[in-house]
N, C-alpha and C. Protein backbone atom coordinates (compact mmCIF):
# COMPACT_ATOMS: atom_id res chain seq x y z
N MET A 1 19.99 -22.78 5.21
CA MET A 1 19.06 -22.98 4.23
C MET A 1 19.73 -23.34 2.83
N ALA A 2 19.19 -24.35 2.14
CA ALA A 2 19.85 -24.71 0.90
C ALA A 2 19.62 -23.58 -0.09
N THR A 3 20.52 -23.51 -1.07
CA THR A 3 20.38 -22.45 -2.07
C THR A 3 19.21 -22.86 -2.96
N GLN A 4 18.01 -22.26 -2.65
CA GLN A 4 16.85 -22.46 -3.47
C GLN A 4 16.89 -21.47 -4.61
N ASN A 5 16.07 -21.73 -5.56
CA ASN A 5 15.82 -21.03 -6.73
C ASN A 5 14.96 -19.83 -6.25
N LEU A 6 15.53 -18.61 -6.11
CA LEU A 6 14.71 -17.53 -5.64
C LEU A 6 14.04 -16.85 -6.92
N GLN A 7 12.82 -16.49 -6.65
CA GLN A 7 12.13 -15.85 -7.76
C GLN A 7 11.88 -14.34 -7.40
N SER A 8 11.88 -13.37 -8.40
CA SER A 8 11.70 -12.04 -8.06
C SER A 8 10.11 -11.78 -7.98
N TYR A 9 9.76 -10.96 -6.99
CA TYR A 9 8.41 -10.56 -6.73
C TYR A 9 8.28 -9.05 -6.35
N GLU A 10 7.13 -8.55 -6.66
CA GLU A 10 6.83 -7.13 -6.22
C GLU A 10 5.53 -7.20 -5.37
N LEU A 11 5.64 -6.60 -4.20
CA LEU A 11 4.51 -6.62 -3.30
C LEU A 11 3.98 -5.16 -3.20
N MET A 12 2.74 -4.93 -3.42
CA MET A 12 2.19 -3.57 -3.20
C MET A 12 1.18 -3.82 -2.17
N VAL A 13 1.23 -2.90 -1.09
CA VAL A 13 0.31 -2.92 0.03
C VAL A 13 -0.27 -1.56 0.17
N ILE A 14 -1.56 -1.55 0.48
CA ILE A 14 -2.27 -0.26 0.93
C ILE A 14 -2.64 -0.44 2.33
N PHE A 15 -1.95 0.36 3.16
CA PHE A 15 -2.33 0.40 4.56
C PHE A 15 -3.41 1.40 4.89
N THR A 16 -4.13 1.21 5.94
CA THR A 16 -5.10 2.09 6.35
C THR A 16 -4.55 3.49 6.58
N PRO A 17 -5.19 4.59 6.10
CA PRO A 17 -4.60 5.91 6.31
C PRO A 17 -4.61 6.42 7.78
N VAL A 18 -5.18 5.70 8.67
CA VAL A 18 -5.19 6.17 10.14
C VAL A 18 -3.94 5.83 10.82
N LEU A 19 -2.95 5.09 10.20
CA LEU A 19 -1.76 4.78 10.88
C LEU A 19 -0.92 5.99 11.19
N ALA A 20 -0.32 6.09 12.28
CA ALA A 20 0.75 7.14 12.58
C ALA A 20 1.95 6.72 11.79
N GLU A 21 2.82 7.73 11.55
CA GLU A 21 4.10 7.51 10.85
C GLU A 21 4.92 6.38 11.35
N ASP A 22 5.00 6.29 12.63
CA ASP A 22 5.79 5.12 13.26
C ASP A 22 5.21 3.74 13.09
N GLU A 23 3.83 3.74 13.09
CA GLU A 23 3.07 2.50 12.90
C GLU A 23 3.25 2.01 11.43
N TYR A 24 3.26 3.18 10.47
CA TYR A 24 3.38 2.77 9.03
C TYR A 24 4.79 2.16 8.73
N LYS A 25 5.77 2.78 9.50
CA LYS A 25 7.10 2.27 9.31
C LYS A 25 7.29 0.94 9.95
N ALA A 26 6.72 0.72 11.11
CA ALA A 26 6.78 -0.58 11.80
C ALA A 26 6.13 -1.69 10.93
N ALA A 27 4.97 -1.35 10.37
CA ALA A 27 4.28 -2.38 9.57
C ALA A 27 5.11 -2.63 8.32
N GLN A 28 5.83 -1.81 7.67
CA GLN A 28 6.67 -2.05 6.61
C GLN A 28 7.87 -2.97 7.02
N LYS A 29 8.42 -2.62 8.12
CA LYS A 29 9.59 -3.41 8.76
C LYS A 29 9.11 -4.79 8.99
N LYS A 30 7.92 -5.02 9.54
CA LYS A 30 7.38 -6.28 9.91
C LYS A 30 7.40 -7.23 8.68
N PHE A 31 6.92 -6.77 7.58
CA PHE A 31 6.72 -7.64 6.36
C PHE A 31 8.11 -7.83 5.76
N ALA A 32 8.92 -6.86 5.73
CA ALA A 32 10.33 -6.99 5.16
C ALA A 32 11.03 -7.98 5.94
N ASP A 33 10.97 -7.90 7.26
CA ASP A 33 11.64 -8.82 8.15
C ASP A 33 11.06 -10.23 8.03
N PHE A 34 9.81 -10.36 7.78
CA PHE A 34 9.22 -11.64 7.62
C PHE A 34 9.82 -12.35 6.36
N ILE A 35 9.96 -11.58 5.27
CA ILE A 35 10.51 -12.18 4.06
C ILE A 35 11.95 -12.67 4.32
N LYS A 36 12.73 -11.81 5.07
CA LYS A 36 14.14 -12.10 5.37
C LYS A 36 14.27 -13.31 6.26
N GLU A 37 13.30 -13.43 7.27
CA GLU A 37 13.42 -14.60 8.16
C GLU A 37 13.00 -15.88 7.40
N ASN A 38 12.39 -15.79 6.36
CA ASN A 38 11.96 -16.97 5.49
C ASN A 38 12.84 -17.19 4.35
N GLY A 39 14.08 -16.67 4.44
CA GLY A 39 15.11 -16.90 3.37
C GLY A 39 15.04 -16.10 2.17
N GLY A 40 14.26 -15.01 2.17
CA GLY A 40 14.18 -14.18 1.09
C GLY A 40 15.20 -13.01 1.22
N GLU A 41 15.22 -12.18 0.21
CA GLU A 41 16.10 -10.92 0.24
C GLU A 41 15.35 -9.78 -0.36
N ILE A 42 15.53 -8.67 0.35
CA ILE A 42 14.83 -7.42 -0.11
C ILE A 42 15.63 -6.68 -1.18
N VAL A 43 15.06 -6.43 -2.33
CA VAL A 43 15.84 -5.79 -3.35
C VAL A 43 15.71 -4.28 -3.27
N HIS A 44 14.40 -3.81 -3.14
CA HIS A 44 14.16 -2.38 -2.98
C HIS A 44 12.76 -2.16 -2.40
N GLN A 45 12.79 -1.14 -1.59
CA GLN A 45 11.34 -0.71 -1.06
C GLN A 45 11.20 0.79 -1.18
N ASP A 46 9.95 1.05 -1.40
CA ASP A 46 9.58 2.46 -1.64
C ASP A 46 8.24 2.79 -0.97
N ALA A 47 8.24 3.61 -0.01
CA ALA A 47 7.02 4.06 0.65
C ALA A 47 6.47 5.30 -0.07
N TRP A 48 5.45 5.07 -0.65
CA TRP A 48 4.73 6.14 -1.54
C TRP A 48 4.01 7.13 -0.65
N GLY A 49 3.63 6.61 0.59
CA GLY A 49 2.90 7.54 1.50
C GLY A 49 1.45 7.61 1.06
N LEU A 50 0.72 8.68 1.47
CA LEU A 50 -0.69 8.80 1.37
C LEU A 50 -1.09 9.13 -0.01
N ARG A 51 -1.95 8.37 -0.59
CA ARG A 51 -2.42 8.54 -2.02
C ARG A 51 -3.98 8.36 -1.98
N SER A 52 -4.55 8.96 -3.04
CA SER A 52 -6.02 8.79 -3.15
C SER A 52 -6.26 7.41 -3.72
N LEU A 53 -7.32 6.81 -3.41
CA LEU A 53 -7.76 5.46 -3.88
C LEU A 53 -8.71 5.78 -5.08
N ALA A 54 -8.69 4.76 -6.02
CA ALA A 54 -9.53 4.87 -7.21
C ALA A 54 -11.01 4.73 -6.84
N TYR A 55 -11.18 4.11 -5.72
CA TYR A 55 -12.65 3.87 -5.22
C TYR A 55 -12.42 3.63 -3.73
N PRO A 56 -13.55 3.90 -3.00
CA PRO A 56 -13.48 3.80 -1.56
C PRO A 56 -13.31 2.38 -1.07
N ILE A 57 -12.54 2.12 -0.09
CA ILE A 57 -12.30 0.82 0.60
C ILE A 57 -12.65 0.99 2.03
N ASP A 58 -13.60 0.27 2.50
CA ASP A 58 -14.09 0.48 3.93
C ASP A 58 -14.33 1.97 4.23
N LYS A 59 -15.02 2.55 3.40
CA LYS A 59 -15.40 4.01 3.48
C LYS A 59 -14.22 4.92 3.58
N LYS A 60 -12.98 4.52 3.18
CA LYS A 60 -11.86 5.40 3.12
C LYS A 60 -11.46 5.78 1.75
N THR A 61 -11.13 6.90 1.46
CA THR A 61 -10.82 7.44 0.15
C THR A 61 -9.31 7.49 -0.12
N THR A 62 -8.50 7.33 0.95
CA THR A 62 -7.02 7.36 0.83
C THR A 62 -6.42 6.27 1.46
N GLY A 63 -5.15 6.01 1.19
CA GLY A 63 -4.47 4.80 1.75
C GLY A 63 -3.03 5.15 1.75
N LEU A 64 -2.30 4.46 2.63
CA LEU A 64 -0.74 4.63 2.67
C LEU A 64 -0.14 3.45 1.83
N TYR A 65 0.50 3.79 0.73
CA TYR A 65 0.94 2.81 -0.20
C TYR A 65 2.46 2.52 0.17
N TRP A 66 2.75 1.27 -0.14
CA TRP A 66 4.17 0.77 0.10
C TRP A 66 4.42 -0.36 -0.99
N VAL A 67 5.51 -0.14 -1.66
CA VAL A 67 5.95 -1.13 -2.66
C VAL A 67 7.27 -1.81 -2.38
N LEU A 68 7.30 -3.12 -2.34
CA LEU A 68 8.50 -3.79 -1.92
C LEU A 68 8.80 -4.83 -3.12
N GLU A 69 10.04 -4.74 -3.57
CA GLU A 69 10.63 -5.71 -4.48
C GLU A 69 11.44 -6.66 -3.73
N TYR A 70 11.29 -7.92 -3.94
CA TYR A 70 12.14 -8.91 -3.19
C TYR A 70 12.29 -10.20 -3.95
N LYS A 71 13.18 -10.99 -3.46
CA LYS A 71 13.49 -12.30 -4.09
C LYS A 71 13.15 -13.31 -2.97
N ALA A 72 12.49 -14.35 -3.24
CA ALA A 72 12.16 -15.44 -2.28
C ALA A 72 11.81 -16.75 -2.97
N ALA A 73 11.82 -17.75 -2.14
CA ALA A 73 11.33 -19.05 -2.68
C ALA A 73 9.80 -18.91 -2.84
N THR A 74 9.18 -19.79 -3.72
CA THR A 74 7.81 -19.60 -4.03
C THR A 74 6.92 -19.83 -2.77
N ASP A 75 7.32 -20.77 -1.88
CA ASP A 75 6.52 -21.07 -0.66
C ASP A 75 6.36 -19.90 0.35
N VAL A 76 7.24 -19.01 0.25
CA VAL A 76 7.30 -17.84 1.18
C VAL A 76 5.96 -17.01 1.00
N ASN A 77 5.48 -16.84 -0.32
CA ASN A 77 4.31 -15.95 -0.59
C ASN A 77 3.09 -16.53 0.05
N ALA A 78 2.88 -17.83 0.19
CA ALA A 78 1.70 -18.33 0.87
C ALA A 78 1.74 -18.01 2.36
N LYS A 79 2.94 -18.08 2.97
CA LYS A 79 3.03 -17.62 4.32
C LYS A 79 2.84 -16.20 4.55
N LEU A 80 3.32 -15.33 3.61
CA LEU A 80 3.29 -13.89 3.64
C LEU A 80 1.87 -13.54 3.46
N GLU A 81 1.10 -14.16 2.56
CA GLU A 81 -0.37 -13.99 2.31
C GLU A 81 -1.15 -14.08 3.60
N ILE A 82 -0.92 -15.22 4.30
CA ILE A 82 -1.53 -15.44 5.60
C ILE A 82 -1.37 -14.26 6.63
N GLN A 83 -0.04 -13.86 6.69
CA GLN A 83 0.29 -12.84 7.70
C GLN A 83 -0.52 -11.46 7.30
N MET A 84 -0.47 -11.25 5.87
CA MET A 84 -1.08 -9.87 5.49
C MET A 84 -2.62 -10.02 5.66
N ASN A 85 -3.25 -11.22 5.48
CA ASN A 85 -4.69 -11.29 5.66
C ASN A 85 -5.05 -11.15 7.08
N ARG A 86 -4.24 -11.43 8.08
CA ARG A 86 -4.47 -11.30 9.46
C ARG A 86 -4.24 -9.85 9.98
N ASP A 87 -3.58 -9.08 9.18
CA ASP A 87 -3.16 -7.72 9.65
C ASP A 87 -4.27 -6.82 9.35
N GLU A 88 -4.87 -6.17 10.41
CA GLU A 88 -6.05 -5.28 10.16
C GLU A 88 -5.61 -3.99 9.56
N SER A 89 -4.38 -3.60 9.63
CA SER A 89 -3.89 -2.34 9.06
C SER A 89 -3.87 -2.28 7.57
N ILE A 90 -3.98 -3.59 7.03
CA ILE A 90 -3.82 -3.68 5.45
C ILE A 90 -5.24 -3.67 4.85
N MET A 91 -5.44 -2.66 3.94
CA MET A 91 -6.71 -2.69 3.19
C MET A 91 -6.72 -3.49 1.95
N ARG A 92 -5.55 -3.57 1.18
CA ARG A 92 -5.44 -4.38 0.12
C ARG A 92 -3.92 -4.66 -0.09
N HIS A 93 -3.69 -5.89 -0.76
CA HIS A 93 -2.30 -6.14 -1.06
C HIS A 93 -2.29 -7.10 -2.34
N MET A 94 -1.17 -6.93 -3.03
CA MET A 94 -1.03 -7.69 -4.23
C MET A 94 0.46 -8.12 -4.46
N VAL A 95 0.69 -9.39 -4.68
CA VAL A 95 1.98 -9.82 -4.98
C VAL A 95 2.04 -10.16 -6.47
N THR A 96 3.06 -9.75 -7.12
CA THR A 96 3.21 -9.89 -8.55
C THR A 96 4.61 -10.56 -8.82
N ARG A 97 4.66 -11.63 -9.51
CA ARG A 97 5.94 -12.29 -9.87
C ARG A 97 6.56 -11.50 -11.01
N LEU A 98 7.76 -11.10 -10.89
CA LEU A 98 8.49 -10.38 -11.96
C LEU A 98 9.41 -11.36 -12.70
N ASP A 99 9.27 -11.24 -13.96
CA ASP A 99 10.18 -12.05 -14.85
C ASP A 99 11.47 -11.24 -14.91
N LYS A 100 12.50 -11.79 -15.50
CA LYS A 100 13.78 -11.26 -15.57
C LYS A 100 13.76 -9.82 -16.19
N TYR A 101 12.88 -9.69 -17.20
CA TYR A 101 12.80 -8.33 -17.94
C TYR A 101 12.21 -7.29 -16.96
N ALA A 102 11.20 -7.68 -16.22
CA ALA A 102 10.52 -6.68 -15.44
C ALA A 102 11.48 -6.29 -14.23
N ALA A 103 12.28 -7.34 -13.71
CA ALA A 103 13.21 -7.11 -12.69
C ALA A 103 14.43 -6.16 -13.12
N ALA A 104 14.76 -6.39 -14.41
CA ALA A 104 15.86 -5.54 -15.08
C ALA A 104 15.33 -4.19 -15.30
N TYR A 105 14.11 -4.04 -15.74
CA TYR A 105 13.49 -2.72 -15.92
C TYR A 105 13.49 -1.90 -14.65
N ASN A 106 12.95 -2.59 -13.54
CA ASN A 106 12.92 -1.95 -12.30
C ASN A 106 14.29 -1.42 -11.84
N ALA A 107 15.36 -2.28 -11.96
CA ALA A 107 16.64 -1.93 -11.53
C ALA A 107 17.17 -0.73 -12.45
N LYS A 108 16.96 -0.74 -13.73
CA LYS A 108 17.37 0.33 -14.59
C LYS A 108 16.68 1.64 -14.23
N LYS A 109 15.34 1.50 -13.91
CA LYS A 109 14.53 2.66 -13.57
C LYS A 109 15.14 3.24 -12.24
N ARG A 110 15.41 2.49 -11.25
CA ARG A 110 15.99 2.87 -9.98
C ARG A 110 17.28 3.63 -10.32
N ASN A 111 18.13 3.04 -11.19
CA ASN A 111 19.52 3.70 -11.46
C ASN A 111 19.29 4.99 -12.06
N LYS A 112 18.34 5.12 -12.93
CA LYS A 112 18.09 6.48 -13.59
C LYS A 112 17.65 7.44 -12.58
N LEU A 113 16.75 7.03 -11.70
CA LEU A 113 16.29 7.97 -10.65
C LEU A 113 17.49 8.40 -9.74
N ALA A 114 18.38 7.48 -9.46
CA ALA A 114 19.51 7.80 -8.62
C ALA A 114 20.45 8.74 -9.29
N GLU A 115 20.57 8.53 -10.65
CA GLU A 115 21.55 9.41 -11.40
C GLU A 115 20.90 10.82 -11.47
N THR A 116 19.61 10.92 -11.66
CA THR A 116 19.03 12.29 -11.74
C THR A 116 19.00 12.95 -10.32
N ALA A 117 18.88 12.13 -9.24
CA ALA A 117 19.00 12.72 -7.98
C ALA A 117 20.33 13.29 -7.61
N ASN A 118 21.33 12.54 -8.08
CA ASN A 118 22.84 13.03 -7.81
C ASN A 118 23.27 14.07 -8.70
N ALA A 119 22.43 14.31 -9.78
CA ALA A 119 23.02 15.33 -10.79
C ALA A 119 22.69 16.76 -10.32
């Protein structure tokens, strides 16, 4: 693949809370692999686990949250969107484009967390 200009993005997904742990991990891997297969690169991923929702979605009050920071060409997001809309385990998803300041902030925040964990 030609060296395209990769943009930074953050994907937040809320999976249905009825997923078993292995299904939750498999769903995360599926979308991370999808981005890699389409020429993207994973910067960081964080499984937040079960959290309360601000309002019920499909009569559920909790969801399994997952945040993925990645770099990809702009056309990858449209393909990713189609895959997520087809997946019945996803209740909500949102892709946000990160500018260079937001990407730098996330990296700095991760480094601070790593330093405090090692201290």
